[in-house]
Amino acid sequence: MPFDALAALRGTGHPVDLLSDAQQAVFATLTEPEVEVLNRLKARLDAVAPEAEGHGVKIV
């Protein structure tokens, strides 16, 4: 089965469904190692969420 980058990102809580179709198309081309980097970054940011959250959220 081919790697599904969007499903992998979605499964770890990345809000990929809020992205435009064009943005989703870009994220869909990510490799497993690239998705793993994003997932590790998200985990680190989530661990310090109260200190790292801003007043507004802008999705890429």
PDB file of N, CA and C in Angstrom:
ATOM      1  N   MET A   1       0.844  -1.175   0.000  1.00  0.00           N
ATOM      2  CA  MET A   1       0.000   0.000   0.000  1.00  0.00           C
ATOM      3  C   MET A   1       0.893   1.244   0.000  1.00  0.00           C
ATOM      4  N   PRO A   2       0.620   2.191  -0.862  1.00  0.00           N
ATOM      5  CA  PRO A   2       1.447   3.408  -0.911  1.00  0.00           C
ATOM      6  C   PRO A   2       1.234   4.266   0.338  1.00  0.00           C
ATOM      7  N   PHE A   3       2.256   5.039   0.661  1.00  0.00           N
ATOM      8  CA  PHE A   3       2.219   5.929   1.824  1.00  0.00           C
ATOM      9  C   PHE A   3       1.222   7.049   1.580  1.00  0.00           C
ATOM     10  N   ASP A   4       0.352   7.304   2.541  1.00  0.00           N
ATOM     11  CA  ASP A   4      -0.639   8.378   2.466  1.00  0.00           C
ATOM     12  C   ASP A   4      -0.236   9.467   3.464  1.00  0.00           C
ATOM     13  N   ALA A   5       0.451  10.473   2.953  1.00  0.00           N
ATOM     14  CA  ALA A   5       0.973  11.532   3.820  1.00  0.00           C
ATOM     15  C   ALA A   5      -0.141  12.284   4.536  1.00  0.00           C
ATOM     16  N   LEU A   6      -1.224  12.582   3.841  1.00  0.00           N
ATOM     17  CA  LEU A   6      -2.316  13.319   4.481  1.00  0.00           C
ATOM     18  C   LEU A   6      -2.937  12.524   5.620  1.00  0.00           C
ATOM     19  N   ALA A   7      -3.135  11.228   5.420  1.00  0.00           N
ATOM     20  CA  ALA A   7      -3.697  10.387   6.477  1.00  0.00           C
ATOM     21  C   ALA A   7      -2.745  10.315   7.662  1.00  0.00           C
ATOM     22  N   ALA A   8      -1.451  10.213   7.393  1.00  0.00           N
ATOM     23  CA  ALA A   8      -0.465  10.159   8.470  1.00  0.00           C
ATOM     24  C   ALA A   8      -0.448  11.464   9.258  1.00  0.00           C
ATOM     25  N   LEU A   9      -0.535  12.584   8.574  1.00  0.00           N
ATOM     26  CA  LEU A   9      -0.564  13.884   9.253  1.00  0.00           C
ATOM     27  C   LEU A   9      -1.869  14.052  10.023  1.00  0.00           C
ATOM     28  N   ARG A  10      -2.959  13.702   9.402  1.00  0.00           N
ATOM     29  CA  ARG A  10      -4.269  13.803  10.036  1.00  0.00           C
ATOM     30  C   ARG A  10      -4.314  12.940  11.299  1.00  0.00           C
ATOM     31  N   GLY A  11      -3.721  11.764  11.225  1.00  0.00           N
ATOM     32  CA  GLY A  11      -3.737  10.836  12.343  1.00  0.00           C
ATOM     33  C   GLY A  11      -2.992  11.329  13.570  1.00  0.00           C
ATOM     34  N   THR A  12      -2.087  12.269  13.386  1.00  0.00           N
ATOM     35  CA  THR A  12      -1.358  12.827  14.530  1.00  0.00           C
ATOM     36  C   THR A  12      -1.839  14.226  14.897  1.00  0.00           C
ATOM     37  N   GLY A  13      -2.971  14.615  14.334  1.00  0.00           N
ATOM     38  CA  GLY A  13      -3.596  15.866  14.751  1.00  0.00           C
ATOM     39  C   GLY A  13      -3.298  17.100  13.925  1.00  0.00           C
ATOM     40  N   HIS A  14      -2.609  16.942  12.813  1.00  0.00           N
ATOM     41  CA  HIS A  14      -2.387  18.096  11.942  1.00  0.00           C
ATOM     42  C   HIS A  14      -3.707  18.432  11.245  1.00  0.00           C
ATOM     43  N   PRO A  15      -4.117  19.693  11.234  1.00  0.00           N
ATOM     44  CA  PRO A  15      -5.408  20.067  10.651  1.00  0.00           C
ATOM     45  C   PRO A  15      -5.368  20.195   9.119  1.00  0.00           C
ATOM     46  N   VAL A  16      -4.954  19.140   8.446  1.00  0.00           N
ATOM     47  CA  VAL A  16      -4.777  19.213   6.995  1.00  0.00           C
ATOM     48  C   VAL A  16      -6.089  19.436   6.251  1.00  0.00           C
ATOM     49  N   ASP A  17      -7.215  19.083   6.870  1.00  0.00           N
ATOM     50  CA  ASP A  17      -8.498  19.277   6.197  1.00  0.00           C
ATOM     51  C   ASP A  17      -8.888  20.751   6.107  1.00  0.00           C
ATOM     52  N   LEU A  18      -8.207  21.599   6.860  1.00  0.00           N
ATOM     53  CA  LEU A  18      -8.480  23.030   6.799  1.00  0.00           C
ATOM     54  C   LEU A  18      -7.683  23.733   5.702  1.00  0.00           C
ATOM     55  N   LEU A  19      -6.750  23.003   5.094  1.00  0.00           N
ATOM     56  CA  LEU A  19      -5.922  23.572   4.032  1.00  0.00           C
ATOM     57  C   LEU A  19      -6.686  23.615   2.720  1.00  0.00           C
ATOM     58  N   SER A  20      -6.253  24.491   1.844  1.00  0.00           N
ATOM     59  CA  SER A  20      -6.852  24.550   0.513  1.00  0.00           C
ATOM     60  C   SER A  20      -6.486  23.281  -0.256  1.00  0.00           C
ATOM     61  N   ASP A  21      -7.189  23.032  -1.345  1.00  0.00           N
ATOM     62  CA  ASP A  21      -6.889  21.859  -2.172  1.00  0.00           C
ATOM     63  C   ASP A  21      -5.449  21.909  -2.671  1.00  0.00           C
ATOM     64  N   ALA A  22      -4.993  23.093  -3.057  1.00  0.00           N
ATOM     65  CA  ALA A  22      -3.620  23.231  -3.554  1.00  0.00           C
ATOM     66  C   ALA A  22      -2.611  22.924  -2.456  1.00  0.00           C
ATOM     67  N   GLN A  23      -2.871  23.406  -1.248  1.00  0.00           N
ATOM     68  CA  GLN A  23      -1.967  23.135  -0.130  1.00  0.00           C
ATOM     69  C   GLN A  23      -1.983  21.652   0.225  1.00  0.00           C
ATOM     70  N   GLN A  24      -3.151  21.041   0.220  1.00  0.00           N
ATOM     71  CA  GLN A  24      -3.239  19.614   0.501  1.00  0.00           C
ATOM     72  C   GLN A  24      -2.468  18.812  -0.540  1.00  0.00           C
ATOM     73  N   ALA A  25      -2.514  19.246  -1.778  1.00  0.00           N
ATOM     74  CA  ALA A  25      -1.785  18.553  -2.844  1.00  0.00           C
ATOM     75  C   ALA A  25      -0.285  18.565  -2.568  1.00  0.00           C
ATOM     76  N   VAL A  26       0.212  19.670  -2.046  1.00  0.00           N
ATOM     77  CA  VAL A  26       1.639  19.754  -1.712  1.00  0.00           C
ATOM     78  C   VAL A  26       1.957  18.815  -0.556  1.00  0.00           C
ATOM     79  N   PHE A  27       1.165  18.866   0.493  1.00  0.00           N
ATOM     80  CA  PHE A  27       1.406  17.998   1.643  1.00  0.00           C
ATOM     81  C   PHE A  27       1.272  16.527   1.276  1.00  0.00           C
ATOM     82  N   ALA A  28       0.418  16.210   0.328  1.00  0.00           N
ATOM     83  CA  ALA A  28       0.215  14.819  -0.099  1.00  0.00           C
ATOM     84  C   ALA A  28       1.464  14.230  -0.740  1.00  0.00           C
ATOM     85  N   THR A  29       2.371  15.080  -1.203  1.00  0.00           N
ATOM     86  CA  THR A  29       3.588  14.587  -1.855  1.00  0.00           C
ATOM     87  C   THR A  29       4.737  14.348  -0.887  1.00  0.00           C
ATOM     88  N   LEU A  30       4.528  14.649   0.401  1.00  0.00           N
ATOM     89  CA  LEU A  30       5.600  14.463   1.376  1.00  0.00           C
ATOM     90  C   LEU A  30       5.944  12.988   1.536  1.00  0.00           C
ATOM     91  N   THR A  31       7.205  12.731   1.793  1.00  0.00           N
ATOM     92  CA  THR A  31       7.675  11.370   2.028  1.00  0.00           C
ATOM     93  C   THR A  31       7.474  11.009   3.498  1.00  0.00           C
ATOM     94  N   GLU A  32       7.628   9.735   3.813  1.00  0.00           N
ATOM     95  CA  GLU A  32       7.503   9.308   5.213  1.00  0.00           C
ATOM     96  C   GLU A  32       8.499  10.025   6.123  1.00  0.00           C
ATOM     97  N   PRO A  33       9.763  10.162   5.732  1.00  0.00           N
ATOM     98  CA  PRO A  33      10.694  10.902   6.607  1.00  0.00           C
ATOM     99  C   PRO A  33      10.290  12.370   6.797  1.00  0.00           C
ATOM    100  N   GLU A  34       9.757  12.996   5.773  1.00  0.00           N
ATOM    101  CA  GLU A  34       9.326  14.397   5.897  1.00  0.00           C
ATOM    102  C   GLU A  34       8.140  14.514   6.848  1.00  0.00           C
ATOM    103  N   VAL A  35       7.210  13.585   6.754  1.00  0.00           N
ATOM    104  CA  VAL A  35       6.060  13.588   7.659  1.00  0.00           C
ATOM    105  C   VAL A  35       6.514  13.332   9.084  1.00  0.00           C
ATOM    106  N   GLU A  36       7.476  12.450   9.262  1.00  0.00           N
ATOM    107  CA  GLU A  36       7.998  12.170  10.593  1.00  0.00           C
ATOM    108  C   GLU A  36       8.609  13.430  11.213  1.00  0.00           C
ATOM    109  N   VAL A  37       9.302  14.226  10.425  1.00  0.00           N
ATOM    110  CA  VAL A  37       9.864  15.485  10.937  1.00  0.00           C
ATOM    111  C   VAL A  37       8.740  16.400  11.405  1.00  0.00           C
ATOM    112  N   LEU A  38       7.705  16.554  10.599  1.00  0.00           N
ATOM    113  CA  LEU A  38       6.579  17.407  10.991  1.00  0.00           C
ATOM    114  C   LEU A  38       5.914  16.880  12.260  1.00  0.00           C
ATOM    115  N   ASN A  39       5.766  15.561  12.349  1.00  0.00           N
ATOM    116  CA  ASN A  39       5.139  14.973  13.528  1.00  0.00           C
ATOM    117  C   ASN A  39       5.986  15.188  14.777  1.00  0.00           C
ATOM    118  N   ARG A  40       7.300  15.077  14.655  1.00  0.00           N
ATOM    119  CA  ARG A  40       8.175  15.319  15.803  1.00  0.00           C
ATOM    120  C   ARG A  40       8.117  16.788  16.231  1.00  0.00           C
ATOM    121  N   LEU A  41       8.092  17.692  15.251  1.00  0.00           N
ATOM    122  CA  LEU A  41       7.977  19.123  15.580  1.00  0.00           C
ATOM    123  C   LEU A  41       6.663  19.404  16.288  1.00  0.00           C
ATOM    124  N   LYS A  42       5.574  18.835  15.780  1.00  0.00           N
ATOM    125  CA  LYS A  42       4.267  19.038  16.404  1.00  0.00           C
ATOM    126  C   LYS A  42       4.278  18.518  17.831  1.00  0.00           C
ATOM    127  N   ALA A  43       4.843  17.345  18.050  1.00  0.00           N
ATOM    128  CA  ALA A  43       4.897  16.779  19.397  1.00  0.00           C
ATOM    129  C   ALA A  43       5.671  17.687  20.341  1.00  0.00           C
ATOM    130  N   ARG A  44       6.770  18.234  19.874  1.00  0.00           N
ATOM    131  CA  ARG A  44       7.568  19.133  20.717  1.00  0.00           C
ATOM    132  C   ARG A  44       6.816  20.422  21.021  1.00  0.00           C
ATOM    133  N   LEU A  45       6.129  20.966  20.030  1.00  0.00           N
ATOM    134  CA  LEU A  45       5.346  22.184  20.248  1.00  0.00           C
ATOM    135  C   LEU A  45       4.164  21.914  21.169  1.00  0.00           C
ATOM    136  N   ASP A  46       3.506  20.767  20.988  1.00  0.00           N
ATOM    137  CA  ASP A  46       2.381  20.412  21.853  1.00  0.00           C
ATOM    138  C   ASP A  46       2.824  20.266  23.304  1.00  0.00           C
ATOM    139  N   ALA A  47       4.048  19.792  23.506  1.00  0.00           N
ATOM    140  CA  ALA A  47       4.561  19.603  24.864  1.00  0.00           C
ATOM    141  C   ALA A  47       4.733  20.921  25.610  1.00  0.00           C
ATOM    142  N   VAL A  48       4.906  22.002  24.883  1.00  0.00           N
ATOM    143  CA  VAL A  48       5.064  23.315  25.503  1.00  0.00           C
ATOM    144  C   VAL A  48       3.943  24.259  25.075  1.00  0.00           C
ATOM    145  N   ALA A  49       2.802  23.694  24.721  1.00  0.00           N
ATOM    146  CA  ALA A  49       1.691  24.455  24.147  1.00  0.00           C
ATOM    147  C   ALA A  49       1.347  25.728  24.905  1.00  0.00           C
ATOM    148  N   PRO A  50       1.165  25.706  26.212  1.00  0.00           N
ATOM    149  CA  PRO A  50       0.797  26.957  26.879  1.00  0.00           C
ATOM    150  C   PRO A  50       1.818  28.072  26.675  1.00  0.00           C
ATOM    151  N   GLU A  51       3.105  27.719  26.621  1.00  0.00           N
ATOM    152  CA  GLU A  51       4.132  28.730  26.443  1.00  0.00           C
ATOM    153  C   GLU A  51       4.300  29.132  24.981  1.00  0.00           C
ATOM    154  N   ALA A  52       3.957  28.240  24.052  1.00  0.00           N
ATOM    155  CA  ALA A  52       4.248  28.484  22.647  1.00  0.00           C
ATOM    156  C   ALA A  52       3.064  28.978  21.836  1.00  0.00           C
ATOM    157  N   GLU A  53       1.851  28.907  22.380  1.00  0.00           N
ATOM    158  CA  GLU A  53       0.686  29.320  21.606  1.00  0.00           C
ATOM    159  C   GLU A  53       0.592  30.829  21.526  1.00  0.00           C
ATOM    160  N   GLY A  54       0.189  31.284  20.354  1.00  0.00           N
ATOM    161  CA  GLY A  54      -0.019  32.706  20.146  1.00  0.00           C
ATOM    162  C   GLY A  54      -1.471  33.056  20.357  1.00  0.00           C
ATOM    163  N   HIS A  55      -1.815  34.281  20.085  1.00  0.00           N
ATOM    164  CA  HIS A  55      -3.187  34.733  20.250  1.00  0.00           C
ATOM    165  C   HIS A  55      -4.059  34.311  19.078  1.00  0.00           C
ATOM    166  N   GLY A  56      -3.459  34.107  17.942  1.00  0.00           N
ATOM    167  CA  GLY A  56      -4.204  33.686  16.768  1.00  0.00           C
ATOM    168  C   GLY A  56      -3.503  32.513  16.121  1.00  0.00           C
ATOM    169  N   VAL A  57      -4.251  31.787  15.335  1.00  0.00           N
ATOM    170  CA  VAL A  57      -3.665  30.638  14.648  1.00  0.00           C
ATOM    171  C   VAL A  57      -3.817  30.860  13.164  1.00  0.00           C
ATOM    172  N   LYS A  58      -2.698  30.781  12.463  1.00  0.00           N
ATOM    173  CA  LYS A  58      -2.732  30.875  11.013  1.00  0.00           C
ATOM    174  C   LYS A  58      -2.272  29.537  10.475  1.00  0.00           C
ATOM    175  N   ILE A  59      -3.100  28.921   9.676  1.00  0.00           N
ATOM    176  CA  ILE A  59      -2.771  27.628   9.091  1.00  0.00           C
ATOM    177  C   ILE A  59      -2.080  27.911   7.763  1.00  0.00           C
ATOM    178  N   VAL A  60      -0.978  27.239   7.554  1.00  0.00           N
ATOM    179  CA  VAL A  60      -0.145  27.430   6.360  1.00  0.00           C
ATOM    180  C   VAL A  60      -0.970  27.531   5.116  1.00  0.00           C
TER     181      VAL A  60
END
